[in-house]
Amino acid sequence: MKEPKYDLEERLLEFAVRIIRVTESMQRSPAGVYVADQLLRSGTSPYGHHGEAEGAESRDDFIHKLKVCYKELREARRWLRLVQRTPLVAKPELLEVLLTEAEELVRIFAASLRTAENNRPTSRAKR
């Protein structure tokens, strides 16, 4: 039996799509608009930044772009937790699956950052 393929780009794309759906369904109160905007930005940007990381110009550039993805995913996870605890969506219990995916993505990027930083060539001493 074939092992399932875990394509990070596809996961980030699907995460962004689900974030868009959640933010589109949120109440249009002042709080809802503010939180939706914040969640929309932080929840969709990792998809684009991951593409930037794939085209990084150096190891340091790659690490920097991974850090941006990581930070944005952590922020999105926080906004999702807030949305889940407030009456901004009709069925907050449905956000649990999205929160689980956010947590998994955060862990993936944390591990990728550790690996990239551990594999970073040591810099030569200045002369």
Protein backbone atom coordinates (compact mmCIF):
# COMPACT_ATOMS: atom_id res chain seq x y z
CA MET A 1 0.00 0.00 0.00
CA LYS A 2 1.29 3.43 -0.89
CA GLU A 3 2.28 5.83 1.87
CA PRO A 4 0.28 9.08 1.74
CA LYS A 5 2.25 12.01 0.38
CA TYR A 6 2.44 14.99 2.67
CA ASP A 7 2.98 17.92 0.35
CA LEU A 8 3.69 20.97 2.49
CA GLU A 9 2.76 23.39 -0.29
CA GLU A 10 -0.62 21.69 -0.67
CA ARG A 11 -1.19 21.71 3.10
CA LEU A 12 -0.40 25.42 3.28
CA LEU A 13 -2.70 26.11 0.32
CA GLU A 14 -5.55 24.15 1.91
CA PHE A 15 -4.91 25.89 5.25
CA ALA A 16 -5.14 29.30 3.51
CA VAL A 17 -8.36 28.28 1.73
CA ARG A 18 -9.92 27.21 5.02
CA ILE A 19 -8.80 30.44 6.70
CA ILE A 20 -10.47 32.43 3.91
CA ARG A 21 -13.69 30.46 4.39
CA VAL A 22 -13.66 31.08 8.15
CA THR A 23 -13.00 34.80 7.80
CA GLU A 24 -15.72 35.14 5.16
CA SER A 25 -18.20 33.55 7.56
CA MET A 26 -17.35 35.77 10.53
CA GLN A 27 -19.70 38.40 11.88
CA ARG A 28 -19.23 41.87 10.44
CA SER A 29 -19.18 43.60 13.83
CA PRO A 30 -16.20 45.87 14.61
CA ALA A 31 -14.51 43.02 16.51
CA GLY A 32 -15.35 40.51 13.79
CA VAL A 33 -13.91 42.67 11.02
CA TYR A 34 -10.72 43.36 12.99
CA VAL A 35 -10.12 39.75 13.98
CA ALA A 36 -11.03 38.48 10.50
CA ASP A 37 -8.50 40.86 8.92
CA GLN A 38 -5.76 39.76 11.31
CA LEU A 39 -6.55 36.07 10.83
CA LEU A 40 -6.79 36.46 7.07
CA ARG A 41 -3.34 38.06 6.87
CA SER A 42 -1.55 35.68 9.21
CA GLY A 43 -3.33 32.56 7.99
CA THR A 44 -2.76 33.07 4.27
CA SER A 45 0.74 34.54 4.22
CA PRO A 46 2.62 31.29 5.04
CA TYR A 47 1.54 29.89 1.68
CA GLY A 48 3.21 32.74 -0.19
CA HIS A 49 6.23 32.92 2.08
CA HIS A 50 6.83 29.20 1.67
CA GLY A 51 7.10 29.81 -2.07
CA GLU A 52 9.63 32.53 -1.34
CA ALA A 53 11.62 30.12 0.84
CA GLU A 54 11.76 27.62 -2.00
CA GLY A 55 13.46 30.29 -4.12
CA ALA A 56 15.77 31.56 -1.38
CA GLU A 57 19.08 33.03 -2.50
CA SER A 58 21.12 31.65 0.41
CA ARG A 59 20.85 29.47 3.49
CA ASP A 60 20.36 32.59 5.63
CA ASP A 61 17.62 33.84 3.30
CA PHE A 62 15.95 30.41 3.43
CA ILE A 63 16.04 30.40 7.24
CA HIS A 64 14.66 33.94 7.39
CA LYS A 65 11.73 33.06 5.15
CA LEU A 66 11.00 29.90 7.14
CA LYS A 67 10.98 32.03 10.29
CA VAL A 68 8.39 34.33 8.73
CA CYS A 69 6.17 31.32 7.93
CA TYR A 70 6.62 30.02 11.47
CA LYS A 71 5.77 33.36 13.08
CA GLU A 72 2.70 33.85 10.89
CA LEU A 73 1.41 30.35 11.63
CA ARG A 74 1.82 30.92 15.37
CA GLU A 75 -0.10 34.18 15.05
CA ALA A 76 -2.88 32.53 13.03
CA ARG A 77 -3.15 29.82 15.68
CA ARG A 78 -3.68 32.51 18.34
CA TRP A 79 -6.37 34.28 16.31
CA LEU A 80 -8.13 30.95 15.70
CA ARG A 81 -8.18 30.27 19.43
CA LEU A 82 -9.72 33.69 19.99
CA VAL A 83 -12.37 33.12 17.31
CA GLN A 84 -13.18 29.76 18.84
CA ARG A 85 -13.86 31.35 22.25
CA THR A 86 -15.93 34.28 21.03
CA PRO A 87 -19.26 34.39 19.23
CA LEU A 88 -17.71 35.52 15.93
CA VAL A 89 -18.64 32.35 13.99
CA ALA A 90 -21.81 30.31 14.11
CA LYS A 91 -20.16 26.98 14.97
CA PRO A 92 -16.86 27.57 16.78
CA GLU A 93 -16.51 23.84 17.50
CA LEU A 94 -15.80 23.33 13.80
CA LEU A 95 -12.54 25.27 14.22
CA GLU A 96 -10.94 22.42 16.18
CA VAL A 97 -9.75 20.66 13.02
CA LEU A 98 -8.26 23.91 11.70
CA LEU A 99 -6.55 24.53 15.03
CA THR A 100 -5.06 21.04 14.91
CA GLU A 101 -3.71 21.71 11.43
CA ALA A 102 -2.26 25.05 12.59
CA GLU A 103 -0.50 23.25 15.44
CA GLU A 104 0.89 20.61 13.10
CA LEU A 105 2.14 23.25 10.67
CA VAL A 106 3.80 25.17 13.51
CA ARG A 107 5.59 21.99 14.56
CA ILE A 108 6.67 21.22 11.00
CA PHE A 109 8.17 24.68 10.58
CA ALA A 110 9.82 24.55 14.02
CA ALA A 111 11.50 21.26 13.06
CA SER A 112 12.47 22.60 9.63
CA LEU A 113 14.04 25.66 11.23
CA ARG A 114 16.04 23.52 13.66
CA THR A 115 17.29 21.37 10.80
CA ALA A 116 18.16 24.35 8.59
CA GLU A 117 19.98 26.12 11.41
CA ASN A 118 21.87 22.95 12.42
CA ASN A 119 22.93 22.43 8.79
CA ARG A 120 24.02 26.03 8.36
CA PRO A 121 27.70 26.18 7.42
CA THR A 122 29.85 27.66 10.16
CA SER A 123 31.08 31.11 9.22
CA ARG A 124 34.78 31.72 8.88
CA ALA A 125 36.49 33.83 11.48
CA LYS A 126 37.07 37.42 10.44
CA ARG A 127 40.64 38.18 9.55
